[in-house]
Amino acid sequence: MMKYGAEHVEHKFTLSFMESEVRGQWRDIYLRMHLEAGETFPEDLIDPTILVICNLDGVIVQIVLHDEGCDCEFQFTYAEKAQIENFVQEHVNV
């Protein structure tokens, strides 16, 4: 996770499913991150969660990092996004 425009920093974490809801033509999937031992969230990130927006066929359209339930100035690295995509495809019934 990194602030927009900042240096890429990879964080090691696992994921768990929180909830899912259909919103018109979209399915919103909410995930929680659990940092691995020795990892810390960036200082300005208080309560991060992940919103994965899919179409109704299960194709991921967007992955958004939320902090305290709102969009924030942080984004995922390509490797972190790949981890999230794999988790959704393997563990969430889309």
C-alpha atoms as a PDB file:
ATOM      1  CA  MET A   1       0.000   0.000   0.000  1.00  0.00           C
ATOM      2  CA  MET A   2       1.222   3.434  -0.775  1.00  0.00           C
ATOM      3  CA  LYS A   3       0.008   6.981  -1.094  1.00  0.00           C
ATOM      4  CA  TYR A   4      -0.626   8.106  -4.648  1.00  0.00           C
ATOM      5  CA  GLY A   5       2.696   9.092  -6.187  1.00  0.00           C
ATOM      6  CA  ALA A   6       4.798   7.625  -3.359  1.00  0.00           C
ATOM      7  CA  GLU A   7       7.387   4.872  -3.543  1.00  0.00           C
ATOM      8  CA  HIS A   8       6.022   1.336  -3.904  1.00  0.00           C
ATOM      9  CA  VAL A   9       6.055  -0.573  -0.629  1.00  0.00           C
ATOM     10  CA  GLU A  10       4.769  -4.148  -0.562  1.00  0.00           C
ATOM     11  CA  HIS A  11       2.844  -5.203   2.543  1.00  0.00           C
ATOM     12  CA  LYS A  12       2.283  -8.829   3.462  1.00  0.00           C
ATOM     13  CA  PHE A  13      -1.256  -9.623   4.552  1.00  0.00           C
ATOM     14  CA  THR A  14      -3.972 -12.227   4.457  1.00  0.00           C
ATOM     15  CA  LEU A  15      -7.592 -11.543   3.631  1.00  0.00           C
ATOM     16  CA  SER A  16     -11.006 -12.462   4.982  1.00  0.00           C
ATOM     17  CA  PHE A  17     -14.471 -11.962   3.560  1.00  0.00           C
ATOM     18  CA  MET A  18     -16.699  -9.441   5.352  1.00  0.00           C
ATOM     19  CA  GLU A  19     -19.836  -9.022   3.222  1.00  0.00           C
ATOM     20  CA  SER A  20     -21.217  -8.751  -0.282  1.00  0.00           C
ATOM     21  CA  GLU A  21     -24.118  -6.818  -1.757  1.00  0.00           C
ATOM     22  CA  VAL A  22     -25.638  -6.301  -5.190  1.00  0.00           C
ATOM     23  CA  ARG A  23     -26.016  -2.693  -6.282  1.00  0.00           C
ATOM     24  CA  GLY A  24     -27.769  -2.506  -9.649  1.00  0.00           C
ATOM     25  CA  GLN A  25     -25.355  -3.959 -12.215  1.00  0.00           C
ATOM     26  CA  TRP A  26     -22.532  -4.254  -9.677  1.00  0.00           C
ATOM     27  CA  ARG A  27     -21.636  -6.587  -6.855  1.00  0.00           C
ATOM     28  CA  ASP A  28     -19.658  -4.981  -4.032  1.00  0.00           C
ATOM     29  CA  ILE A  29     -17.426  -7.326  -2.051  1.00  0.00           C
ATOM     30  CA  TYR A  30     -15.887  -6.101   1.197  1.00  0.00           C
ATOM     31  CA  LEU A  31     -12.716  -7.696   2.548  1.00  0.00           C
ATOM     32  CA  ARG A  32     -10.635  -7.215   5.684  1.00  0.00           C
ATOM     33  CA  MET A  33      -6.831  -7.272   5.699  1.00  0.00           C
ATOM     34  CA  HIS A  34      -4.826  -9.036   8.392  1.00  0.00           C
ATOM     35  CA  LEU A  35      -1.162  -8.050   8.464  1.00  0.00           C
ATOM     36  CA  GLU A  36       1.426 -10.772   8.755  1.00  0.00           C
ATOM     37  CA  ALA A  37       3.785 -10.777  11.735  1.00  0.00           C
ATOM     38  CA  GLY A  38       6.181  -7.848  11.737  1.00  0.00           C
ATOM     39  CA  GLU A  39       4.136  -5.810   9.222  1.00  0.00           C
ATOM     40  CA  THR A  40       2.532  -2.464  10.007  1.00  0.00           C
ATOM     41  CA  PHE A  41       0.047  -0.351   8.109  1.00  0.00           C
ATOM     42  CA  PRO A  42       1.261   3.024   6.845  1.00  0.00           C
ATOM     43  CA  GLU A  43       1.072   5.611   9.612  1.00  0.00           C
ATOM     44  CA  ASP A  44      -1.888   7.542   8.135  1.00  0.00           C
ATOM     45  CA  LEU A  45      -4.008   4.409   7.589  1.00  0.00           C
ATOM     46  CA  ILE A  46      -6.311   3.817  10.574  1.00  0.00           C
ATOM     47  CA  ASP A  47      -8.854   1.085   9.736  1.00  0.00           C
ATOM     48  CA  PRO A  48      -8.251  -0.194   6.193  1.00  0.00           C
ATOM     49  CA  THR A  49     -10.702  -2.417   4.348  1.00  0.00           C
ATOM     50  CA  ILE A  50     -11.034  -3.371   0.712  1.00  0.00           C
ATOM     51  CA  LEU A  51     -13.940  -2.816  -1.661  1.00  0.00           C
ATOM     52  CA  VAL A  52     -13.881  -5.051  -4.735  1.00  0.00           C
ATOM     53  CA  ILE A  53     -16.416  -4.023  -7.378  1.00  0.00           C
ATOM     54  CA  CYS A  54     -17.455  -6.765  -9.810  1.00  0.00           C
ATOM     55  CA  ASN A  55     -20.020  -6.964 -12.549  1.00  0.00           C
ATOM     56  CA  LEU A  56     -22.784  -9.535 -12.101  1.00  0.00           C
ATOM     57  CA  ASP A  57     -20.726 -12.088 -14.065  1.00  0.00           C
ATOM     58  CA  GLY A  58     -18.012 -11.880 -11.397  1.00  0.00           C
ATOM     59  CA  VAL A  59     -15.485  -9.902 -13.444  1.00  0.00           C
ATOM     60  CA  ILE A  60     -13.521  -7.541 -11.197  1.00  0.00           C
ATOM     61  CA  VAL A  61     -13.907  -3.953 -12.364  1.00  0.00           C
ATOM     62  CA  GLN A  62     -12.159  -2.060  -9.575  1.00  0.00           C
ATOM     63  CA  ILE A  63     -10.316  -2.598  -6.289  1.00  0.00           C
ATOM     64  CA  VAL A  64     -10.510   0.279  -3.811  1.00  0.00           C
ATOM     65  CA  LEU A  65      -8.671   0.685  -0.519  1.00  0.00           C
ATOM     66  CA  HIS A  66     -10.940   2.225   2.104  1.00  0.00           C
ATOM     67  CA  ASP A  67      -9.938   3.722   5.426  1.00  0.00           C
ATOM     68  CA  GLU A  68     -12.618   3.920   8.091  1.00  0.00           C
ATOM     69  CA  GLY A  69     -15.192   2.997   5.408  1.00  0.00           C
ATOM     70  CA  CYS A  70     -14.295   5.797   2.945  1.00  0.00           C
ATOM     71  CA  ASP A  71     -12.072   6.177  -0.103  1.00  0.00           C
ATOM     72  CA  CYS A  72      -8.587   7.275   0.869  1.00  0.00           C
ATOM     73  CA  GLU A  73      -5.353   8.541  -0.650  1.00  0.00           C
ATOM     74  CA  PHE A  74      -3.705   5.107  -0.591  1.00  0.00           C
ATOM     75  CA  GLN A  75      -3.575   2.568  -3.387  1.00  0.00           C
ATOM     76  CA  PHE A  76      -2.441  -1.027  -3.752  1.00  0.00           C
ATOM     77  CA  THR A  77       0.669  -2.165  -5.586  1.00  0.00           C
ATOM     78  CA  TYR A  78       0.250  -4.495  -8.576  1.00  0.00           C
ATOM     79  CA  ALA A  79       1.274  -7.507  -6.461  1.00  0.00           C
ATOM     80  CA  GLU A  80      -1.219  -6.608  -3.723  1.00  0.00           C
ATOM     81  CA  LYS A  81      -3.999  -6.216  -6.307  1.00  0.00           C
ATOM     82  CA  ALA A  82      -3.110  -9.617  -7.769  1.00  0.00           C
ATOM     83  CA  GLN A  83      -3.336 -11.170  -4.297  1.00  0.00           C
ATOM     84  CA  ILE A  84      -6.783  -9.612  -3.789  1.00  0.00           C
ATOM     85  CA  GLU A  85      -7.988 -10.751  -7.230  1.00  0.00           C
ATOM     86  CA  ASN A  86      -6.816 -14.314  -6.537  1.00  0.00           C
ATOM     87  CA  PHE A  87      -8.549 -14.333  -3.140  1.00  0.00           C
ATOM     88  CA  VAL A  88     -11.862 -13.176  -4.635  1.00  0.00           C
ATOM     89  CA  GLN A  89     -11.678 -15.741  -7.448  1.00  0.00           C
ATOM     90  CA  GLU A  90     -10.818 -18.600  -5.085  1.00  0.00           C
ATOM     91  CA  HIS A  91     -12.831 -17.814  -1.945  1.00  0.00           C
ATOM     92  CA  VAL A  92     -15.784 -15.587  -2.800  1.00  0.00           C
ATOM     93  CA  ASN A  93     -18.762 -17.017  -4.659  1.00  0.00           C
ATOM     94  CA  VAL A  94     -19.090 -14.503  -7.511  1.00  0.00           C
END
